[in-house]
Amino acid sequence: MKRSHSKQLTPLINQLIRNIRSTSSTFDLRELLRIIHRPGWTSIAEVAFVKGILTATNAHLQVITTLRGALLAGSRRVERS
């Protein structure tokens, strides 16, 4: 890889690492598990809303996992020149 390419990509990779680390905590989701079991939680509309967000978030994370694998696999196949 040319030096200029690595200079361009390194900050983006480091930013991705920071973003992944910031989303890897499950504390907030464990709190959500406690909240939804409280008496009176919640209306049919709110359940639909939360279910939609959870479904979409899981789908996005599956895509991110696929993209990370493709990024690494593709990068490994690049030949040195």
PDB file of N, CA and C in Angstrom:
ATOM      1  N   MET A   1       0.844  -1.175   0.000  1.00  0.00           N
ATOM      2  CA  MET A   1       0.000   0.000   0.000  1.00  0.00           C
ATOM      3  C   MET A   1       0.885   1.231   0.000  1.00  0.00           C
ATOM      4  N   LYS A   2       0.529   2.149  -0.826  1.00  0.00           N
ATOM      5  CA  LYS A   2       1.274   3.399  -0.843  1.00  0.00           C
ATOM      6  C   LYS A   2       1.082   4.121   0.481  1.00  0.00           C
ATOM      7  N   ARG A   3       2.099   4.844   0.880  1.00  0.00           N
ATOM      8  CA  ARG A   3       2.073   5.548   2.160  1.00  0.00           C
ATOM      9  C   ARG A   3       0.871   6.485   2.261  1.00  0.00           C
ATOM     10  N   SER A   4       0.534   7.176   1.179  1.00  0.00           N
ATOM     11  CA  SER A   4      -0.582   8.116   1.227  1.00  0.00           C
ATOM     12  C   SER A   4      -1.909   7.389   1.452  1.00  0.00           C
ATOM     13  N   HIS A   5      -2.017   6.177   0.915  1.00  0.00           N
ATOM     14  CA  HIS A   5      -3.239   5.399   1.132  1.00  0.00           C
ATOM     15  C   HIS A   5      -3.382   5.033   2.601  1.00  0.00           C
ATOM     16  N   SER A   6      -2.289   4.581   3.201  1.00  0.00           N
ATOM     17  CA  SER A   6      -2.368   4.185   4.610  1.00  0.00           C
ATOM     18  C   SER A   6      -2.651   5.391   5.495  1.00  0.00           C
ATOM     19  N   LYS A   7      -2.140   6.557   5.113  1.00  0.00           N
ATOM     20  CA  LYS A   7      -2.424   7.769   5.888  1.00  0.00           C
ATOM     21  C   LYS A   7      -3.899   8.142   5.805  1.00  0.00           C
ATOM     22  N   GLN A   8      -4.515   7.878   4.668  1.00  0.00           N
ATOM     23  CA  GLN A   8      -5.940   8.179   4.505  1.00  0.00           C
ATOM     24  C   GLN A   8      -6.812   7.169   5.238  1.00  0.00           C
ATOM     25  N   LEU A   9      -6.418   5.909   5.197  1.00  0.00           N
ATOM     26  CA  LEU A   9      -7.257   4.849   5.757  1.00  0.00           C
ATOM     27  C   LEU A   9      -7.101   4.666   7.261  1.00  0.00           C
ATOM     28  N   THR A  10      -5.910   4.900   7.788  1.00  0.00           N
ATOM     29  CA  THR A  10      -5.654   4.671   9.207  1.00  0.00           C
ATOM     30  C   THR A  10      -6.607   5.441  10.117  1.00  0.00           C
ATOM     31  N   PRO A  11      -6.833   6.733   9.892  1.00  0.00           N
ATOM     32  CA  PRO A  11      -7.773   7.433  10.776  1.00  0.00           C
ATOM     33  C   PRO A  11      -9.206   6.889  10.680  1.00  0.00           C
ATOM     34  N   LEU A  12      -9.607   6.470   9.498  1.00  0.00           N
ATOM     35  CA  LEU A  12     -10.956   5.915   9.328  1.00  0.00           C
ATOM     36  C   LEU A  12     -11.093   4.578  10.034  1.00  0.00           C
ATOM     37  N   ILE A  13     -10.060   3.756   9.970  1.00  0.00           N
ATOM     38  CA  ILE A  13     -10.079   2.465  10.667  1.00  0.00           C
ATOM     39  C   ILE A  13     -10.100   2.690  12.175  1.00  0.00           C
ATOM     40  N   ASN A  14      -9.288   3.626  12.651  1.00  0.00           N
ATOM     41  CA  ASN A  14      -9.272   3.928  14.085  1.00  0.00           C
ATOM     42  C   ASN A  14     -10.617   4.479  14.554  1.00  0.00           C
ATOM     43  N   GLN A  15     -11.263   5.293  13.723  1.00  0.00           N
ATOM     44  CA  GLN A  15     -12.591   5.806  14.060  1.00  0.00           C
ATOM     45  C   GLN A  15     -13.599   4.661  14.141  1.00  0.00           C
ATOM     46  N   LEU A  16     -13.511   3.722  13.206  1.00  0.00           N
ATOM     47  CA  LEU A  16     -14.398   2.562  13.224  1.00  0.00           C
ATOM     48  C   LEU A  16     -14.193   1.741  14.494  1.00  0.00           C
ATOM     49  N   ILE A  17     -12.951   1.554  14.888  1.00  0.00           N
ATOM     50  CA  ILE A  17     -12.640   0.823  16.124  1.00  0.00           C
ATOM     51  C   ILE A  17     -13.288   1.515  17.316  1.00  0.00           C
ATOM     52  N   ARG A  18     -13.158   2.848  17.393  1.00  0.00           N
ATOM     53  CA  ARG A  18     -13.762   3.598  18.501  1.00  0.00           C
ATOM     54  C   ARG A  18     -15.287   3.464  18.490  1.00  0.00           C
ATOM     55  N   ASN A  19     -15.879   3.545  17.302  1.00  0.00           N
ATOM     56  CA  ASN A  19     -17.334   3.434  17.204  1.00  0.00           C
ATOM     57  C   ASN A  19     -17.825   2.051  17.607  1.00  0.00           C
ATOM     58  N   ILE A  20     -17.102   1.017  17.208  1.00  0.00           N
ATOM     59  CA  ILE A  20     -17.488  -0.347  17.585  1.00  0.00           C
ATOM     60  C   ILE A  20     -17.370  -0.522  19.092  1.00  0.00           C
ATOM     61  N   ARG A  21     -16.293  -0.016  19.669  1.00  0.00           N
ATOM     62  CA  ARG A  21     -16.131  -0.114  21.128  1.00  0.00           C
ATOM     63  C   ARG A  21     -17.256   0.598  21.861  1.00  0.00           C
ATOM     64  N   SER A  22     -17.675   1.753  21.341  1.00  0.00           N
ATOM     65  CA  SER A  22     -18.707   2.521  22.035  1.00  0.00           C
ATOM     66  C   SER A  22     -20.070   1.848  21.958  1.00  0.00           C
ATOM     67  N   THR A  23     -20.273   0.966  20.991  1.00  0.00           N
ATOM     68  CA  THR A  23     -21.557   0.282  20.873  1.00  0.00           C
ATOM     69  C   THR A  23     -21.525  -1.139  21.433  1.00  0.00           C
ATOM     70  N   SER A  24     -20.400  -1.552  21.965  1.00  0.00           N
ATOM     71  CA  SER A  24     -20.287  -2.937  22.415  1.00  0.00           C
ATOM     72  C   SER A  24     -20.794  -3.153  23.844  1.00  0.00           C
ATOM     73  N   SER A  25     -21.093  -2.099  24.554  1.00  0.00           N
ATOM     74  CA  SER A  25     -21.623  -2.251  25.906  1.00  0.00           C
ATOM     75  C   SER A  25     -23.076  -2.715  25.838  1.00  0.00           C
ATOM     76  N   THR A  26     -23.441  -3.616  26.712  1.00  0.00           N
ATOM     77  CA  THR A  26     -24.819  -4.110  26.751  1.00  0.00           C
ATOM     78  C   THR A  26     -25.561  -3.629  27.999  1.00  0.00           C
ATOM     79  N   PHE A  27     -24.930  -2.730  28.754  1.00  0.00           N
ATOM     80  CA  PHE A  27     -25.556  -2.257  29.990  1.00  0.00           C
ATOM     81  C   PHE A  27     -26.928  -1.657  29.733  1.00  0.00           C
ATOM     82  N   ASP A  28     -27.056  -0.814  28.708  1.00  0.00           N
ATOM     83  CA  ASP A  28     -28.330  -0.164  28.435  1.00  0.00           C
ATOM     84  C   ASP A  28     -29.399  -1.172  28.013  1.00  0.00           C
ATOM     85  N   LEU A  29     -28.991  -2.202  27.297  1.00  0.00           N
ATOM     86  CA  LEU A  29     -29.954  -3.218  26.871  1.00  0.00           C
ATOM     87  C   LEU A  29     -30.393  -4.091  28.044  1.00  0.00           C
ATOM     88  N   ARG A  30     -29.492  -4.328  28.968  1.00  0.00           N
ATOM     89  CA  ARG A  30     -29.873  -5.076  30.173  1.00  0.00           C
ATOM     90  C   ARG A  30     -30.865  -4.260  31.009  1.00  0.00           C
ATOM     91  N   GLU A  31     -30.662  -2.946  31.023  1.00  0.00           N
ATOM     92  CA  GLU A  31     -31.623  -2.079  31.708  1.00  0.00           C
ATOM     93  C   GLU A  31     -32.982  -2.149  31.007  1.00  0.00           C
ATOM     94  N   LEU A  32     -32.977  -2.158  29.687  1.00  0.00           N
ATOM     95  CA  LEU A  32     -34.217  -2.264  28.925  1.00  0.00           C
ATOM     96  C   LEU A  32     -34.959  -3.553  29.283  1.00  0.00           C
ATOM     97  N   LEU A  33     -34.218  -4.652  29.454  1.00  0.00           N
ATOM     98  CA  LEU A  33     -34.843  -5.909  29.867  1.00  0.00           C
ATOM     99  C   LEU A  33     -35.544  -5.766  31.217  1.00  0.00           C
ATOM    100  N   ARG A  34     -34.950  -5.017  32.132  1.00  0.00           N
ATOM    101  CA  ARG A  34     -35.585  -4.792  33.438  1.00  0.00           C
ATOM    102  C   ARG A  34     -36.825  -3.911  33.280  1.00  0.00           C
ATOM    103  N   ILE A  35     -36.715  -2.879  32.463  1.00  0.00           N
ATOM    104  CA  ILE A  35     -37.811  -1.922  32.288  1.00  0.00           C
ATOM    105  C   ILE A  35     -39.059  -2.597  31.724  1.00  0.00           C
ATOM    106  N   ILE A  36     -38.885  -3.420  30.698  1.00  0.00           N
ATOM    107  CA  ILE A  36     -40.064  -3.989  30.027  1.00  0.00           C
ATOM    108  C   ILE A  36     -40.820  -4.993  30.889  1.00  0.00           C
ATOM    109  N   HIS A  37     -40.217  -5.435  31.987  1.00  0.00           N
ATOM    110  CA  HIS A  37     -40.888  -6.376  32.881  1.00  0.00           C
ATOM    111  C   HIS A  37     -41.615  -5.679  34.026  1.00  0.00           C
ATOM    112  N   ARG A  38     -41.543  -4.353  34.063  1.00  0.00           N
ATOM    113  CA  ARG A  38     -42.236  -3.611  35.118  1.00  0.00           C
ATOM    114  C   ARG A  38     -43.744  -3.634  34.872  1.00  0.00           C
ATOM    115  N   PRO A  39     -44.505  -3.651  35.947  1.00  0.00           N
ATOM    116  CA  PRO A  39     -45.966  -3.611  35.801  1.00  0.00           C
ATOM    117  C   PRO A  39     -46.401  -2.354  35.043  1.00  0.00           C
ATOM    118  N   GLY A  40     -47.350  -2.520  34.143  1.00  0.00           N
ATOM    119  CA  GLY A  40     -47.893  -1.390  33.412  1.00  0.00           C
ATOM    120  C   GLY A  40     -47.128  -1.006  32.168  1.00  0.00           C
ATOM    121  N   TRP A  41     -46.035  -1.696  31.910  1.00  0.00           N
ATOM    122  CA  TRP A  41     -45.285  -1.388  30.690  1.00  0.00           C
ATOM    123  C   TRP A  41     -45.768  -2.345  29.636  1.00  0.00           C
ATOM    124  N   THR A  42     -46.379  -2.002  28.675  1.00  0.00           N
ATOM    125  CA  THR A  42     -46.584  -0.761  28.002  1.00  0.00           C
ATOM    126  C   THR A  42     -47.780  -0.913  27.082  1.00  0.00           C
ATOM    127  N   SER A  43     -48.098   0.068  26.269  1.00  0.00           N
ATOM    128  CA  SER A  43     -49.248  -0.029  25.368  1.00  0.00           C
ATOM    129  C   SER A  43     -48.898  -0.851  24.123  1.00  0.00           C
ATOM    130  N   ILE A  44     -49.915  -1.263  23.400  1.00  0.00           N
ATOM    131  CA  ILE A  44     -49.714  -2.030  22.167  1.00  0.00           C
ATOM    132  C   ILE A  44     -48.894  -1.224  21.162  1.00  0.00           C
ATOM    133  N   ALA A  45     -49.169   0.073  21.076  1.00  0.00           N
ATOM    134  CA  ALA A  45     -48.435   0.934  20.140  1.00  0.00           C
ATOM    135  C   ALA A  45     -46.959   1.035  20.521  1.00  0.00           C
ATOM    136  N   GLU A  46     -46.703   1.167  21.801  1.00  0.00           N
ATOM    137  CA  GLU A  46     -45.304   1.270  22.252  1.00  0.00           C
ATOM    138  C   GLU A  46     -44.550  -0.041  22.028  1.00  0.00           C
ATOM    139  N   VAL A  47     -45.213  -1.157  22.241  1.00  0.00           N
ATOM    140  CA  VAL A  47     -44.588  -2.453  21.976  1.00  0.00           C
ATOM    141  C   VAL A  47     -44.219  -2.548  20.487  1.00  0.00           C
ATOM    142  N   ALA A  48     -45.127  -2.134  19.617  1.00  0.00           N
ATOM    143  CA  ALA A  48     -44.854  -2.172  18.176  1.00  0.00           C
ATOM    144  C   ALA A  48     -43.673  -1.287  17.831  1.00  0.00           C
ATOM    145  N   PHE A  49     -43.613  -0.111  18.445  1.00  0.00           N
ATOM    146  CA  PHE A  49     -42.512   0.825  18.200  1.00  0.00           C
ATOM    147  C   PHE A  49     -41.173   0.229  18.641  1.00  0.00           C
ATOM    148  N   VAL A  50     -41.136  -0.279  19.865  1.00  0.00           N
ATOM    149  CA  VAL A  50     -39.894  -0.851  20.396  1.00  0.00           C
ATOM    150  C   VAL A  50     -39.500  -2.097  19.600  1.00  0.00           C
ATOM    151  N   LYS A  51     -40.481  -2.922  19.263  1.00  0.00           N
ATOM    152  CA  LYS A  51     -40.190  -4.126  18.472  1.00  0.00           C
ATOM    153  C   LYS A  51     -39.587  -3.756  17.119  1.00  0.00           C
ATOM    154  N   GLY A  52     -40.126  -2.723  16.490  1.00  0.00           N
ATOM    155  CA  GLY A  52     -39.581  -2.269  15.210  1.00  0.00           C
ATOM    156  C   GLY A  52     -38.139  -1.798  15.322  1.00  0.00           C
ATOM    157  N   ILE A  53     -37.846  -1.051  16.366  1.00  0.00           N
ATOM    158  CA  ILE A  53     -36.468  -0.569  16.576  1.00  0.00           C
ATOM    159  C   ILE A  53     -35.530  -1.742  16.852  1.00  0.00           C
ATOM    160  N   LEU A  54     -35.964  -2.685  17.683  1.00  0.00           N
ATOM    161  CA  LEU A  54     -35.115  -3.842  17.993  1.00  0.00           C
ATOM    162  C   LEU A  54     -34.863  -4.695  16.752  1.00  0.00           C
ATOM    163  N   THR A  55     -35.890  -4.910  15.957  1.00  0.00           N
ATOM    164  CA  THR A  55     -35.743  -5.695  14.725  1.00  0.00           C
ATOM    165  C   THR A  55     -34.785  -5.011  13.762  1.00  0.00           C
ATOM    166  N   ALA A  56     -34.951  -3.713  13.579  1.00  0.00           N
ATOM    167  CA  ALA A  56     -34.075  -2.962  12.671  1.00  0.00           C
ATOM    168  C   ALA A  56     -32.634  -2.936  13.176  1.00  0.00           C
ATOM    169  N   THR A  57     -32.459  -2.739  14.467  1.00  0.00           N
ATOM    170  CA  THR A  57     -31.107  -2.705  15.045  1.00  0.00           C
ATOM    171  C   THR A  57     -30.413  -4.046  14.857  1.00  0.00           C
ATOM    172  N   ASN A  58     -31.115  -5.144  15.107  1.00  0.00           N
ATOM    173  CA  ASN A  58     -30.527  -6.468  14.893  1.00  0.00           C
ATOM    174  C   ASN A  58     -30.161  -6.686  13.433  1.00  0.00           C
ATOM    175  N   ALA A  59     -31.016  -6.246  12.525  1.00  0.00           N
ATOM    176  CA  ALA A  59     -30.728  -6.386  11.093  1.00  0.00           C
ATOM    177  C   ALA A  59     -29.496  -5.572  10.709  1.00  0.00           C
ATOM    178  N   HIS A  60     -29.396  -4.353  11.218  1.00  0.00           N
ATOM    179  CA  HIS A  60     -28.221  -3.519  10.920  1.00  0.00           C
ATOM    180  C   HIS A  60     -26.944  -4.158  11.444  1.00  0.00           C
ATOM    181  N   LEU A  61     -27.000  -4.715  12.634  1.00  0.00           N
ATOM    182  CA  LEU A  61     -25.807  -5.347  13.200  1.00  0.00           C
ATOM    183  C   LEU A  61     -25.395  -6.575  12.402  1.00  0.00           C
ATOM    184  N   GLN A  62     -26.363  -7.317  11.873  1.00  0.00           N
ATOM    185  CA  GLN A  62     -26.029  -8.460  11.013  1.00  0.00           C
ATOM    186  C   GLN A  62     -25.341  -7.982   9.739  1.00  0.00           C
ATOM    187  N   VAL A  63     -25.826  -6.889   9.163  1.00  0.00           N
ATOM    188  CA  VAL A  63     -25.198  -6.328   7.963  1.00  0.00           C
ATOM    189  C   VAL A  63     -23.791  -5.844   8.283  1.00  0.00           C
ATOM    190  N   ILE A  64     -23.620  -5.188   9.418  1.00  0.00           N
ATOM    191  CA  ILE A  64     -22.296  -4.706   9.815  1.00  0.00           C
ATOM    192  C   ILE A  64     -21.329  -5.874   9.971  1.00  0.00           C
ATOM    193  N   THR A  65     -21.788  -6.960  10.565  1.00  0.00           N
ATOM    194  CA  THR A  65     -20.937  -8.141  10.712  1.00  0.00           C
ATOM    195  C   THR A  65     -20.521  -8.682   9.350  1.00  0.00           C
ATOM    196  N   THR A  66     -21.462  -8.737   8.413  1.00  0.00           N
ATOM    197  CA  THR A  66     -21.157  -9.193   7.054  1.00  0.00           C
ATOM    198  C   THR A  66     -20.171  -8.250   6.368  1.00  0.00           C
ATOM    199  N   LEU A  67     -20.399  -6.950   6.517  1.00  0.00           N
ATOM    200  CA  LEU A  67     -19.504  -5.965   5.898  1.00  0.00           C
ATOM    201  C   LEU A  67     -18.083  -6.054   6.462  1.00  0.00           C
ATOM    202  N   ARG A  68     -17.971  -6.231   7.767  1.00  0.00           N
ATOM    203  CA  ARG A  68     -16.635  -6.358   8.371  1.00  0.00           C
ATOM    204  C   ARG A  68     -15.910  -7.574   7.816  1.00  0.00           C
ATOM    205  N   GLY A  69     -16.631  -8.685   7.686  1.00  0.00           N
ATOM    206  CA  GLY A  69     -16.015  -9.891   7.130  1.00  0.00           C
ATOM    207  C   GLY A  69     -15.574  -9.685   5.695  1.00  0.00           C
ATOM    208  N   ALA A  70     -16.426  -9.040   4.897  1.00  0.00           N
ATOM    209  CA  ALA A  70     -16.084  -8.784   3.493  1.00  0.00           C
ATOM    210  C   ALA A  70     -14.903  -7.828   3.386  1.00  0.00           C
ATOM    211  N   LEU A  71     -14.872  -6.816   4.241  1.00  0.00           N
ATOM    212  CA  LEU A  71     -13.761  -5.859   4.235  1.00  0.00           C
ATOM    213  C   LEU A  71     -12.435  -6.554   4.515  1.00  0.00           C
ATOM    214  N   LEU A  72     -12.422  -7.397   5.519  1.00  0.00           N
ATOM    215  CA  LEU A  72     -11.185  -8.087   5.882  1.00  0.00           C
ATOM    216  C   LEU A  72     -10.807  -9.120   4.828  1.00  0.00           C
ATOM    217  N   ALA A  73     -11.778  -9.897   4.366  1.00  0.00           N
ATOM    218  CA  ALA A  73     -11.482 -10.920   3.351  1.00  0.00           C
ATOM    219  C   ALA A  73     -10.973 -10.282   2.067  1.00  0.00           C
ATOM    220  N   GLY A  74     -11.622  -9.217   1.639  1.00  0.00           N
ATOM    221  CA  GLY A  74     -11.177  -8.519   0.430  1.00  0.00           C
ATOM    222  C   GLY A  74      -9.801  -7.912   0.600  1.00  0.00           C
ATOM    223  N   SER A  75      -9.541  -7.341   1.749  1.00  0.00           N
ATOM    224  CA  SER A  75      -8.229  -6.731   2.015  1.00  0.00           C
ATOM    225  C   SER A  75      -7.123  -7.774   2.021  1.00  0.00           C
ATOM    226  N   ARG A  76      -7.419  -8.962   2.521  1.00  0.00           N
ATOM    227  CA  ARG A  76      -6.429 -10.038   2.542  1.00  0.00           C
ATOM    228  C   ARG A  76      -6.090 -10.514   1.132  1.00  0.00           C
ATOM    229  N   ARG A  77      -7.016 -10.373   0.196  1.00  0.00           N
ATOM    230  CA  ARG A  77      -6.791 -10.873  -1.165  1.00  0.00           C
ATOM    231  C   ARG A  77      -6.026  -9.905  -2.040  1.00  0.00           C
ATOM    232  N   VAL A  78      -5.871  -8.679  -1.592  1.00  0.00           N
ATOM    233  CA  VAL A  78      -5.134  -7.699  -2.394  1.00  0.00           C
ATOM    234  C   VAL A  78      -3.670  -8.119  -2.458  1.00  0.00           C
ATOM    235  N   GLU A  79      -3.161  -8.209  -3.662  1.00  0.00           N
ATOM    236  CA  GLU A  79      -1.761  -8.616  -3.834  1.00  0.00           C
ATOM    237  C   GLU A  79      -0.828  -7.453  -3.621  1.00  0.00           C
ATOM    238  N   ARG A  80       0.312  -7.780  -3.116  1.00  0.00           N
ATOM    239  CA  ARG A  80       1.351  -6.745  -2.963  1.00  0.00           C
ATOM    240  C   ARG A  80       1.948  -6.446  -4.323  1.00  0.00           C
ATOM    241  N   SER A  81       2.200  -5.163  -4.557  1.00  0.00           N
ATOM    242  CA  SER A  81       2.811  -4.799  -5.847  1.00  0.00           C
ATOM    243  C   SER A  81       4.216  -4.288  -5.645  1.00  0.00           C
TER     244      SER A  81
END
